Amino acid sequence: MSYRPKITNVTKASSNDKEGLYEFIIKTADGTQCRAFYSRNPEWKMTNISRLLKTPCPVCRKDFICKCMDAYTAEFEDQMIGDQWIEKAIAE
């Protein structure tokens, strides 16, 4: 069975409005939390994503640092932009 991330909540962790850089905490339906970095210039683009070490990785089941979430960057980015999670998080 392949992993399919489903975003349930996004919170803005920090931002540098002048440079157009943003950091978001993404919570998924399976309880995984990730930190995503975005650049706004010229359009929204995810520059990095990493899993926060609160629960084991849903892909490899490691409870330490892994790079599994990098493989799902496109799926996270589609949901962040398509479901307007970025706008919702910035508005808070």
N, C-alpha and C. Protein backbone atom coordinates (compact mmCIF):
# COMPACT_ATOMS: atom_id res chain seq x y z
N MET A 1 0.85 -1.18 0.00
CA MET A 1 0.00 0.00 0.00
C MET A 1 0.89 1.24 0.00
N SER A 2 0.62 2.16 -0.87
CA SER A 2 1.44 3.37 -0.95
C SER A 2 0.87 4.47 -0.03
N TYR A 3 1.75 5.31 0.40
CA TYR A 3 1.37 6.39 1.31
C TYR A 3 0.71 7.51 0.53
N ARG A 4 -0.39 8.02 1.02
CA ARG A 4 -1.09 9.14 0.40
C ARG A 4 -1.35 10.19 1.48
N PRO A 5 -0.53 11.24 1.51
CA PRO A 5 -0.72 12.27 2.53
C PRO A 5 -2.00 13.07 2.30
N LYS A 6 -2.72 13.35 3.37
CA LYS A 6 -3.93 14.17 3.31
C LYS A 6 -3.80 15.25 4.37
N ILE A 7 -3.68 16.49 3.95
CA ILE A 7 -3.51 17.61 4.88
C ILE A 7 -4.81 17.91 5.60
N THR A 8 -4.72 18.03 6.94
CA THR A 8 -5.90 18.37 7.74
C THR A 8 -5.79 19.75 8.38
N ASN A 9 -4.55 20.26 8.53
CA ASN A 9 -4.38 21.57 9.13
C ASN A 9 -3.01 22.12 8.76
N VAL A 10 -2.94 23.45 8.60
CA VAL A 10 -1.68 24.13 8.30
C VAL A 10 -1.60 25.36 9.19
N THR A 11 -0.43 25.55 9.81
CA THR A 11 -0.18 26.70 10.67
C THR A 11 1.08 27.41 10.20
N LYS A 12 1.03 28.73 10.15
CA LYS A 12 2.23 29.48 9.79
C LYS A 12 3.14 29.52 11.00
N ALA A 13 4.37 29.02 10.83
CA ALA A 13 5.33 29.00 11.93
C ALA A 13 6.15 30.28 11.96
N SER A 14 6.57 30.75 10.80
CA SER A 14 7.34 31.99 10.72
C SER A 14 7.32 32.50 9.29
N SER A 15 7.73 33.75 9.14
CA SER A 15 7.76 34.33 7.80
C SER A 15 8.74 35.48 7.73
N ASN A 16 9.20 35.74 6.54
CA ASN A 16 10.01 36.90 6.22
C ASN A 16 9.34 37.52 5.01
N ASP A 17 8.39 38.42 5.27
CA ASP A 17 7.58 39.01 4.21
C ASP A 17 8.41 39.76 3.19
N LYS A 18 9.46 40.40 3.65
CA LYS A 18 10.31 41.18 2.74
C LYS A 18 10.96 40.29 1.68
N GLU A 19 11.45 39.12 2.10
CA GLU A 19 12.10 38.18 1.18
C GLU A 19 11.12 37.20 0.54
N GLY A 20 9.88 37.15 1.05
CA GLY A 20 8.89 36.23 0.51
C GLY A 20 9.10 34.79 0.94
N LEU A 21 9.65 34.58 2.14
CA LEU A 21 9.91 33.23 2.64
C LEU A 21 8.96 32.90 3.79
N TYR A 22 8.42 31.71 3.77
CA TYR A 22 7.44 31.29 4.77
C TYR A 22 7.75 29.87 5.24
N GLU A 23 7.42 29.61 6.51
CA GLU A 23 7.57 28.29 7.11
C GLU A 23 6.20 27.88 7.66
N PHE A 24 5.73 26.70 7.27
CA PHE A 24 4.43 26.21 7.70
C PHE A 24 4.59 24.86 8.40
N ILE A 25 3.73 24.61 9.39
CA ILE A 25 3.63 23.30 10.02
C ILE A 25 2.39 22.63 9.43
N ILE A 26 2.59 21.49 8.81
CA ILE A 26 1.50 20.76 8.16
C ILE A 26 1.15 19.54 9.00
N LYS A 27 -0.14 19.37 9.30
CA LYS A 27 -0.62 18.18 10.01
C LYS A 27 -1.41 17.36 9.01
N THR A 28 -1.15 16.05 8.99
CA THR A 28 -1.84 15.16 8.07
C THR A 28 -2.85 14.29 8.80
N ALA A 29 -3.71 13.62 8.04
CA ALA A 29 -4.78 12.81 8.62
C ALA A 29 -4.25 11.65 9.46
N ASP A 30 -3.06 11.15 9.15
CA ASP A 30 -2.51 10.03 9.92
C ASP A 30 -1.71 10.46 11.14
N GLY A 31 -1.71 11.77 11.44
CA GLY A 31 -1.03 12.27 12.63
C GLY A 31 0.39 12.75 12.41
N THR A 32 0.90 12.59 11.21
CA THR A 32 2.25 13.04 10.90
C THR A 32 2.28 14.57 10.82
N GLN A 33 3.33 15.16 11.34
CA GLN A 33 3.53 16.60 11.23
C GLN A 33 4.80 16.87 10.45
N CYS A 34 4.71 17.83 9.54
CA CYS A 34 5.85 18.19 8.70
C CYS A 34 6.07 19.69 8.75
N ARG A 35 7.30 20.08 8.50
CA ARG A 35 7.65 21.49 8.37
C ARG A 35 7.95 21.73 6.90
N ALA A 36 7.24 22.69 6.30
CA ALA A 36 7.42 23.00 4.88
C ALA A 36 7.88 24.44 4.74
N PHE A 37 8.84 24.64 3.87
CA PHE A 37 9.36 25.97 3.58
C PHE A 37 8.91 26.38 2.19
N TYR A 38 8.40 27.60 2.08
CA TYR A 38 7.89 28.10 0.81
C TYR A 38 8.52 29.43 0.45
N SER A 39 8.66 29.63 -0.85
CA SER A 39 9.07 30.92 -1.39
C SER A 39 7.91 31.46 -2.21
N ARG A 40 7.61 32.73 -2.05
CA ARG A 40 6.44 33.32 -2.70
C ARG A 40 6.79 34.01 -4.02
N ASN A 41 8.06 34.24 -4.27
CA ASN A 41 8.46 35.02 -5.44
C ASN A 41 9.02 34.12 -6.53
N PRO A 42 8.56 34.13 -7.75
CA PRO A 42 7.45 34.92 -8.27
C PRO A 42 6.08 34.29 -7.98
N GLU A 43 6.04 32.99 -7.72
CA GLU A 43 4.79 32.34 -7.31
C GLU A 43 5.12 31.36 -6.20
N TRP A 44 4.10 30.82 -5.53
CA TRP A 44 4.31 29.91 -4.42
C TRP A 44 5.04 28.65 -4.88
N LYS A 45 6.14 28.33 -4.21
CA LYS A 45 6.94 27.15 -4.54
C LYS A 45 7.51 26.57 -3.26
N MET A 46 7.30 25.27 -3.04
CA MET A 46 7.87 24.61 -1.88
C MET A 46 9.36 24.41 -2.11
N THR A 47 10.17 24.87 -1.16
CA THR A 47 11.61 24.74 -1.30
C THR A 47 12.16 23.55 -0.50
N ASN A 48 11.44 23.15 0.58
CA ASN A 48 11.90 22.02 1.39
C ASN A 48 10.76 21.53 2.26
N ILE A 49 10.79 20.25 2.57
CA ILE A 49 9.83 19.68 3.52
C ILE A 49 10.56 18.64 4.36
N SER A 50 10.25 18.62 5.64
CA SER A 50 10.84 17.63 6.54
C SER A 50 9.81 17.22 7.57
N ARG A 51 9.91 15.97 8.00
CA ARG A 51 8.98 15.44 8.99
C ARG A 51 9.45 15.85 10.38
N LEU A 52 8.51 16.33 11.19
CA LEU A 52 8.84 16.61 12.59
C LEU A 52 8.88 15.28 13.34
N LEU A 53 9.79 15.13 14.24
CA LEU A 53 10.04 13.84 14.88
C LEU A 53 9.12 13.57 16.07
N LYS A 54 7.82 13.71 15.86
CA LYS A 54 6.84 13.47 16.92
C LYS A 54 6.27 12.06 16.85
N THR A 55 6.17 11.51 15.64
CA THR A 55 5.68 10.15 15.43
C THR A 55 6.59 9.47 14.41
N PRO A 56 6.62 8.14 14.40
CA PRO A 56 7.44 7.45 13.38
C PRO A 56 6.97 7.79 11.97
N CYS A 57 7.89 7.70 11.04
CA CYS A 57 7.59 7.99 9.64
C CYS A 57 6.55 6.99 9.12
N PRO A 58 5.48 7.44 8.46
CA PRO A 58 4.47 6.52 7.95
C PRO A 58 4.95 5.69 6.76
N VAL A 59 6.07 6.08 6.17
CA VAL A 59 6.59 5.36 5.00
C VAL A 59 7.59 4.29 5.42
N CYS A 60 8.67 4.70 6.12
CA CYS A 60 9.72 3.75 6.48
C CYS A 60 9.65 3.29 7.94
N ARG A 61 8.78 3.90 8.74
CA ARG A 61 8.55 3.58 10.14
C ARG A 61 9.72 3.91 11.05
N LYS A 62 10.70 4.69 10.56
CA LYS A 62 11.81 5.12 11.41
C LYS A 62 11.32 6.20 12.36
N ASP A 63 11.90 6.24 13.55
CA ASP A 63 11.54 7.30 14.49
C ASP A 63 12.67 8.31 14.61
N PHE A 64 13.52 8.36 13.61
CA PHE A 64 14.58 9.37 13.56
C PHE A 64 14.57 10.00 12.17
N ILE A 65 15.52 10.85 11.90
CA ILE A 65 15.52 11.63 10.66
C ILE A 65 15.55 10.74 9.42
N CYS A 66 14.65 11.03 8.48
CA CYS A 66 14.62 10.35 7.18
C CYS A 66 14.19 11.38 6.13
N LYS A 67 14.32 11.03 4.90
CA LYS A 67 13.99 11.94 3.79
C LYS A 67 12.78 11.45 3.01
N CYS A 68 11.94 10.63 3.59
CA CYS A 68 10.80 10.05 2.88
C CYS A 68 9.81 11.09 2.37
N MET A 69 9.59 12.16 3.12
CA MET A 69 8.60 13.16 2.73
C MET A 69 9.00 13.90 1.44
N ASP A 70 10.29 13.90 1.11
CA ASP A 70 10.73 14.54 -0.13
C ASP A 70 10.05 13.92 -1.35
N ALA A 71 9.76 12.64 -1.29
CA ALA A 71 9.12 11.94 -2.40
C ALA A 71 7.67 12.38 -2.61
N TYR A 72 7.08 13.01 -1.61
CA TYR A 72 5.67 13.42 -1.68
C TYR A 72 5.51 14.93 -1.79
N THR A 73 6.58 15.61 -2.16
CA THR A 73 6.55 17.07 -2.28
C THR A 73 5.44 17.53 -3.22
N ALA A 74 5.31 16.89 -4.37
CA ALA A 74 4.29 17.29 -5.35
C ALA A 74 2.88 17.14 -4.78
N GLU A 75 2.61 16.06 -4.06
CA GLU A 75 1.29 15.85 -3.48
C GLU A 75 0.98 16.90 -2.41
N PHE A 76 1.97 17.18 -1.55
CA PHE A 76 1.78 18.23 -0.55
C PHE A 76 1.55 19.58 -1.21
N GLU A 77 2.34 19.89 -2.21
CA GLU A 77 2.24 21.19 -2.88
C GLU A 77 0.90 21.34 -3.58
N ASP A 78 0.42 20.29 -4.24
CA ASP A 78 -0.90 20.34 -4.89
C ASP A 78 -2.00 20.64 -3.88
N GLN A 79 -1.95 20.00 -2.73
CA GLN A 79 -2.97 20.24 -1.70
C GLN A 79 -2.84 21.63 -1.10
N MET A 80 -1.62 22.05 -0.83
CA MET A 80 -1.39 23.38 -0.23
C MET A 80 -1.95 24.49 -1.12
N ILE A 81 -1.72 24.39 -2.42
CA ILE A 81 -2.17 25.43 -3.35
C ILE A 81 -3.62 25.20 -3.76
N GLY A 82 -3.97 23.96 -4.11
CA GLY A 82 -5.32 23.65 -4.58
C GLY A 82 -6.40 23.86 -3.53
N ASP A 83 -6.11 23.49 -2.30
CA ASP A 83 -7.09 23.64 -1.22
C ASP A 83 -6.94 24.96 -0.47
N GLN A 84 -6.07 25.83 -0.96
CA GLN A 84 -5.84 27.17 -0.42
C GLN A 84 -5.40 27.15 1.05
N TRP A 85 -4.59 26.17 1.42
CA TRP A 85 -4.08 26.10 2.79
C TRP A 85 -3.14 27.26 3.10
N ILE A 86 -2.37 27.69 2.10
CA ILE A 86 -1.42 28.79 2.33
C ILE A 86 -2.16 30.07 2.71
N GLU A 87 -3.18 30.40 1.95
CA GLU A 87 -3.95 31.62 2.22
C GLU A 87 -4.62 31.56 3.58
N LYS A 88 -5.15 30.39 3.93
CA LYS A 88 -5.81 30.23 5.24
C LYS A 88 -4.81 30.42 6.39
N ALA A 89 -3.62 29.85 6.23
CA ALA A 89 -2.61 29.94 7.30
C ALA A 89 -2.09 31.36 7.45
N ILE A 90 -1.90 32.06 6.35
CA ILE A 90 -1.39 33.43 6.41
C ILE A 90 -2.44 34.37 7.01
N ALA A 91 -3.73 34.10 6.76
CA ALA A 91 -4.80 34.96 7.25
C ALA A 91 -4.97 34.87 8.76
N GLU A 92 -4.49 33.80 9.38
CA GLU A 92 -4.66 33.64 10.84
C GLU A 92 -3.83 34.61 11.62
